[in-house]
Amino acid sequence: MLKVTDASYVEGYKVFLAFSDGKTGVADLKDVLWGEMFEPLKDLSKFKNFSVSPIFDTICWENGADIAPEYLHDKVV
């Protein structure tokens, strides 16, 4: 099972991610921020406030939003 093992804010809506398979890189999540859960994250002060959930093995925000690690893995460049 793929897991996000580390994440840090880069700039704008970009996040540096590290995965359990060894892949690392930056994902631009600007195009993901639509819909009820993600719309509030267009506010950069809220977007920056994410963490890696040890339960879900991906990045999560205080409002309960999260993104599947497999999707993030595909977005990394």
N, C-alpha and C. Protein backbone atom coordinates (compact mmCIF):
# COMPACT_ATOMS: atom_id res chain seq x y z
N MET A 1 0.84 -1.19 0.00
CA MET A 1 0.00 0.00 0.00
C MET A 1 0.88 1.25 0.00
N LEU A 2 0.61 2.16 -0.89
CA LEU A 2 1.37 3.38 -1.02
C LEU A 2 1.04 4.35 0.11
N LYS A 3 2.07 4.97 0.70
CA LYS A 3 1.89 5.90 1.80
C LYS A 3 2.71 7.16 1.57
N VAL A 4 2.16 8.31 2.02
CA VAL A 4 2.95 9.54 2.08
C VAL A 4 3.73 9.47 3.39
N THR A 5 5.04 9.56 3.31
CA THR A 5 5.86 9.47 4.52
C THR A 5 6.33 10.82 5.03
N ASP A 6 6.32 11.83 4.14
CA ASP A 6 6.74 13.18 4.54
C ASP A 6 6.13 14.17 3.56
N ALA A 7 5.85 15.37 4.08
CA ALA A 7 5.31 16.43 3.22
C ALA A 7 5.69 17.78 3.81
N SER A 8 5.99 18.72 2.92
CA SER A 8 6.29 20.08 3.37
C SER A 8 5.83 21.08 2.32
N TYR A 9 5.46 22.25 2.80
CA TYR A 9 4.98 23.31 1.92
C TYR A 9 6.15 23.88 1.12
N VAL A 10 5.92 24.15 -0.17
CA VAL A 10 6.96 24.73 -1.03
C VAL A 10 6.62 26.19 -1.32
N GLU A 11 5.56 26.42 -2.10
CA GLU A 11 5.09 27.77 -2.44
C GLU A 11 3.76 27.63 -3.17
N GLY A 12 2.99 28.71 -3.22
CA GLY A 12 1.70 28.65 -3.89
C GLY A 12 0.92 27.46 -3.39
N TYR A 13 0.51 26.58 -4.30
CA TYR A 13 -0.21 25.36 -3.92
C TYR A 13 0.65 24.13 -4.16
N LYS A 14 1.96 24.32 -4.04
CA LYS A 14 2.90 23.23 -4.27
C LYS A 14 3.37 22.63 -2.94
N VAL A 15 3.45 21.31 -2.95
CA VAL A 15 3.85 20.55 -1.77
C VAL A 15 4.93 19.55 -2.17
N PHE A 16 6.00 19.51 -1.36
CA PHE A 16 7.02 18.48 -1.55
C PHE A 16 6.51 17.23 -0.85
N LEU A 17 6.58 16.08 -1.53
CA LEU A 17 6.08 14.82 -0.97
C LEU A 17 7.13 13.72 -1.08
N ALA A 18 7.14 12.86 -0.08
CA ALA A 18 7.96 11.65 -0.10
C ALA A 18 7.02 10.47 0.14
N PHE A 19 7.26 9.39 -0.59
CA PHE A 19 6.38 8.23 -0.53
C PHE A 19 7.12 6.98 -0.05
N SER A 20 6.34 6.01 0.38
CA SER A 20 6.90 4.77 0.91
C SER A 20 7.67 3.96 -0.13
N ASP A 21 7.44 4.23 -1.40
CA ASP A 21 8.17 3.51 -2.45
C ASP A 21 9.48 4.21 -2.83
N GLY A 22 9.79 5.32 -2.13
CA GLY A 22 11.03 6.05 -2.39
C GLY A 22 10.89 7.23 -3.32
N LYS A 23 9.78 7.37 -3.99
CA LYS A 23 9.58 8.50 -4.90
C LYS A 23 9.42 9.79 -4.10
N THR A 24 10.05 10.85 -4.58
CA THR A 24 9.92 12.17 -3.97
C THR A 24 9.74 13.21 -5.07
N GLY A 25 9.17 14.33 -4.72
CA GLY A 25 9.03 15.40 -5.68
C GLY A 25 7.97 16.39 -5.24
N VAL A 26 7.68 17.32 -6.13
CA VAL A 26 6.73 18.40 -5.83
C VAL A 26 5.46 18.18 -6.63
N ALA A 27 4.33 18.34 -5.96
CA ALA A 27 3.02 18.26 -6.61
C ALA A 27 2.34 19.62 -6.50
N ASP A 28 1.84 20.11 -7.63
CA ASP A 28 1.06 21.34 -7.64
C ASP A 28 -0.40 20.95 -7.52
N LEU A 29 -1.03 21.35 -6.41
CA LEU A 29 -2.39 20.93 -6.12
C LEU A 29 -3.44 21.98 -6.43
N LYS A 30 -3.06 23.03 -7.13
CA LYS A 30 -4.00 24.11 -7.42
C LYS A 30 -5.26 23.61 -8.13
N ASP A 31 -5.12 22.69 -9.07
CA ASP A 31 -6.28 22.21 -9.83
C ASP A 31 -7.17 21.25 -9.04
N VAL A 32 -6.77 20.88 -7.84
CA VAL A 32 -7.54 19.97 -7.00
C VAL A 32 -8.51 20.73 -6.10
N LEU A 33 -8.30 22.02 -5.94
CA LEU A 33 -9.04 22.79 -4.94
C LEU A 33 -10.40 23.27 -5.44
N TRP A 34 -11.31 22.33 -5.61
CA TRP A 34 -12.67 22.66 -5.97
C TRP A 34 -13.60 21.71 -5.19
N GLY A 35 -14.82 22.10 -5.02
CA GLY A 35 -15.77 21.30 -4.25
C GLY A 35 -15.80 21.75 -2.80
N GLU A 36 -16.80 21.31 -2.11
CA GLU A 36 -17.08 21.77 -0.74
C GLU A 36 -15.91 21.60 0.22
N MET A 37 -15.22 20.48 0.16
CA MET A 37 -14.12 20.24 1.11
C MET A 37 -12.86 21.03 0.76
N PHE A 38 -12.61 21.24 -0.51
CA PHE A 38 -11.35 21.84 -0.93
C PHE A 38 -11.41 23.34 -1.19
N GLU A 39 -12.60 23.86 -1.44
CA GLU A 39 -12.76 25.29 -1.72
C GLU A 39 -12.13 26.18 -0.64
N PRO A 40 -12.32 25.87 0.66
CA PRO A 40 -11.70 26.71 1.70
C PRO A 40 -10.17 26.72 1.64
N LEU A 41 -9.58 25.71 1.02
CA LEU A 41 -8.11 25.61 0.97
C LEU A 41 -7.51 26.53 -0.09
N LYS A 42 -8.34 27.23 -0.84
CA LYS A 42 -7.83 28.24 -1.77
C LYS A 42 -7.20 29.40 -1.00
N ASP A 43 -7.58 29.53 0.25
CA ASP A 43 -6.94 30.49 1.16
C ASP A 43 -5.59 29.87 1.54
N LEU A 44 -4.50 30.47 1.08
CA LEU A 44 -3.17 29.89 1.30
C LEU A 44 -2.85 29.66 2.76
N SER A 45 -3.35 30.51 3.64
CA SER A 45 -3.06 30.31 5.07
C SER A 45 -3.67 29.00 5.56
N LYS A 46 -4.80 28.60 4.98
CA LYS A 46 -5.41 27.31 5.32
C LYS A 46 -4.74 26.17 4.58
N PHE A 47 -4.39 26.40 3.31
CA PHE A 47 -3.75 25.36 2.52
C PHE A 47 -2.43 24.92 3.15
N LYS A 48 -1.65 25.87 3.62
CA LYS A 48 -0.33 25.58 4.19
C LYS A 48 -0.42 24.74 5.46
N ASN A 49 -1.57 24.72 6.09
CA ASN A 49 -1.73 24.06 7.39
C ASN A 49 -2.16 22.60 7.21
N PHE A 50 -1.32 21.80 6.59
CA PHE A 50 -1.60 20.37 6.41
C PHE A 50 -0.62 19.55 7.24
N SER A 51 -0.94 18.30 7.39
CA SER A 51 -0.05 17.37 8.07
C SER A 51 -0.18 16.00 7.41
N VAL A 52 0.76 15.12 7.71
CA VAL A 52 0.67 13.74 7.23
C VAL A 52 -0.05 12.94 8.30
N SER A 53 -1.18 12.38 7.95
CA SER A 53 -1.97 11.58 8.89
C SER A 53 -1.38 10.18 9.01
N PRO A 54 -1.06 9.76 10.24
CA PRO A 54 -0.58 8.39 10.43
C PRO A 54 -1.70 7.36 10.26
N ILE A 55 -2.93 7.80 10.29
CA ILE A 55 -4.07 6.90 10.12
C ILE A 55 -4.37 6.68 8.63
N PHE A 56 -4.38 7.79 7.86
CA PHE A 56 -4.73 7.70 6.44
C PHE A 56 -3.52 7.64 5.52
N ASP A 57 -2.32 7.86 6.06
CA ASP A 57 -1.06 7.78 5.29
C ASP A 57 -1.04 8.73 4.10
N THR A 58 -1.60 9.92 4.28
CA THR A 58 -1.60 10.94 3.26
C THR A 58 -1.70 12.31 3.92
N ILE A 59 -1.67 13.38 3.11
CA ILE A 59 -1.80 14.71 3.70
C ILE A 59 -3.26 15.02 3.98
N CYS A 60 -3.48 15.69 5.12
CA CYS A 60 -4.82 16.05 5.57
C CYS A 60 -4.81 17.47 6.09
N TRP A 61 -5.97 18.09 6.03
CA TRP A 61 -6.13 19.45 6.55
C TRP A 61 -7.11 19.43 7.71
N GLU A 62 -7.11 20.53 8.47
CA GLU A 62 -7.96 20.64 9.67
C GLU A 62 -9.45 20.49 9.37
N ASN A 63 -9.87 20.85 8.16
CA ASN A 63 -11.30 20.75 7.84
C ASN A 63 -11.73 19.34 7.44
N GLY A 64 -10.80 18.38 7.48
CA GLY A 64 -11.11 16.99 7.15
C GLY A 64 -10.78 16.60 5.72
N ALA A 65 -10.35 17.55 4.92
CA ALA A 65 -9.98 17.24 3.53
C ALA A 65 -8.70 16.42 3.50
N ASP A 66 -8.63 15.49 2.56
CA ASP A 66 -7.41 14.73 2.31
C ASP A 66 -7.39 14.33 0.84
N ILE A 67 -6.24 13.93 0.38
CA ILE A 67 -6.08 13.52 -1.02
C ILE A 67 -5.41 12.15 -1.02
N ALA A 68 -5.97 11.25 -1.80
CA ALA A 68 -5.44 9.88 -1.87
C ALA A 68 -3.96 9.88 -2.22
N PRO A 69 -3.16 9.08 -1.55
CA PRO A 69 -1.73 9.04 -1.83
C PRO A 69 -1.42 8.62 -3.27
N GLU A 70 -2.24 7.77 -3.84
CA GLU A 70 -2.02 7.34 -5.23
C GLU A 70 -2.17 8.53 -6.19
N TYR A 71 -3.15 9.39 -5.93
CA TYR A 71 -3.35 10.57 -6.77
C TYR A 71 -2.15 11.52 -6.62
N LEU A 72 -1.73 11.73 -5.39
CA LEU A 72 -0.56 12.60 -5.15
C LEU A 72 0.67 12.04 -5.84
N HIS A 73 0.86 10.75 -5.77
CA HIS A 73 2.00 10.08 -6.39
C HIS A 73 2.04 10.38 -7.89
N ASP A 74 0.88 10.34 -8.54
CA ASP A 74 0.80 10.64 -9.97
C ASP A 74 1.07 12.11 -10.29
N LYS A 75 0.79 13.01 -9.33
CA LYS A 75 0.97 14.45 -9.54
C LYS A 75 2.42 14.92 -9.33
N VAL A 76 3.23 14.11 -8.69
CA VAL A 76 4.61 14.50 -8.37
C VAL A 76 5.45 14.57 -9.62
N VAL A 77 6.24 15.67 -9.72
CA VAL A 77 7.19 15.81 -10.83
C VAL A 77 8.57 16.03 -10.27
